[in-house]
């Protein structure tokens, strides 16, 4: 098992398709060697993605609905 640190250290990723070309990518470091081994980023307010050694990992954030808000409902009109 590998232990990693998700840092706040920005890294530059080239050749990303839109809208990912505007996202902020942060370094993933190996816990023992402290070397950058990948990157991670938030995916809107839904979760985060980690890329390591050519593999992609994604996790949704867990949340509890605390009100009667209609969060999944779309808003109609001009924006």
Protein backbone atom coordinates (compact mmCIF):
# COMPACT_ATOMS: atom_id res chain seq x y z
CA UNK A 1 0.00 0.00 0.00
CA UNK A 2 1.24 3.49 -0.88
CA UNK A 3 0.68 6.46 1.42
CA UNK A 4 0.45 9.86 -0.29
CA UNK A 5 0.06 13.49 0.73
CA UNK A 6 -2.44 15.69 -1.12
CA UNK A 7 -0.73 19.08 -1.00
CA UNK A 8 -1.77 22.66 -1.74
CA UNK A 9 1.29 23.06 -3.98
CA UNK A 10 0.23 24.09 -7.50
CA UNK A 11 1.55 22.12 -10.49
CA UNK A 12 1.25 23.01 -14.19
CA UNK A 13 -0.55 20.47 -16.37
CA UNK A 14 -0.29 20.98 -20.14
CA UNK A 15 -2.66 19.86 -22.94
CA UNK A 16 -5.87 19.62 -20.92
CA UNK A 17 -9.22 19.80 -22.72
CA UNK A 18 -11.79 22.45 -21.79
CA UNK A 19 -12.95 23.14 -19.09
CA UNK A 20 -10.09 21.29 -17.37
CA UNK A 21 -7.56 23.72 -18.83
CA UNK A 22 -8.83 26.30 -16.30
CA UNK A 23 -8.75 24.01 -13.26
CA UNK A 24 -6.13 24.23 -10.51
CA UNK A 25 -3.99 21.11 -10.16
CA UNK A 26 -2.18 20.39 -6.89
CA UNK A 27 0.75 18.07 -6.21
CA UNK A 28 0.47 14.56 -4.82
CA UNK A 29 3.66 13.58 -2.98
CA UNK A 30 4.92 10.19 -1.90
CA UNK A 31 4.78 10.18 1.90
CA UNK A 32 8.16 8.51 2.45
CA UNK A 33 10.27 10.07 -0.33
CA UNK A 34 8.45 13.44 -0.48
CA UNK A 35 8.64 13.34 -4.32
CA UNK A 36 5.82 14.57 -6.55
CA UNK A 37 4.20 11.45 -8.01
CA UNK A 38 0.95 12.84 -9.40
CA UNK A 39 -1.65 15.57 -9.09
CA UNK A 40 -5.15 16.11 -7.76
CA UNK A 41 -7.94 18.62 -8.27
CA UNK A 42 -11.40 19.46 -7.02
CA UNK A 43 -14.19 18.59 -9.46
CA UNK A 44 -16.69 21.39 -8.98
CA UNK A 45 -18.36 20.89 -5.57
CA UNK A 46 -18.98 17.18 -6.14
CA UNK A 47 -15.67 15.50 -5.35
CA UNK A 48 -12.00 15.27 -6.24
CA UNK A 49 -9.84 13.47 -8.77
CA UNK A 50 -6.35 12.06 -8.20
CA UNK A 51 -4.04 11.01 -11.03
CA UNK A 52 -1.11 8.71 -10.24
CA UNK A 53 1.06 6.57 -12.50
CA UNK A 54 -1.32 6.81 -15.46
CA UNK A 55 -4.40 5.90 -13.39
CA UNK A 56 -7.32 8.15 -12.42
CA UNK A 57 -9.19 7.94 -9.11
CA UNK A 58 -12.36 9.87 -8.26
CA UNK A 59 -14.34 10.19 -5.03
CA UNK A 60 -17.64 11.96 -4.41
CA UNK A 61 -18.00 14.04 -1.28
CA UNK A 62 -20.49 12.73 1.24
CA UNK A 63 -23.05 15.20 2.49
CA UNK A 64 -26.31 15.28 4.39
CA UNK A 65 -29.24 17.31 3.23
CA UNK A 66 -30.13 19.66 6.11
CA UNK A 67 -33.00 21.70 4.63
CA UNK A 68 -35.88 21.65 2.18
CA UNK A 69 -33.69 23.29 -0.48
CA UNK A 70 -34.17 21.99 -4.00
CA UNK A 71 -30.49 21.51 -4.78
CA UNK A 72 -30.93 18.97 -7.60
CA UNK A 73 -33.59 21.11 -9.31
CA UNK A 74 -32.39 23.21 -12.23
CA UNK A 75 -33.27 26.90 -12.57
CA UNK A 76 -35.05 27.98 -15.74
CA UNK A 77 -34.49 31.36 -17.34
CA UNK A 78 -31.73 33.45 -18.88
CA UNK A 79 -28.27 33.35 -17.31
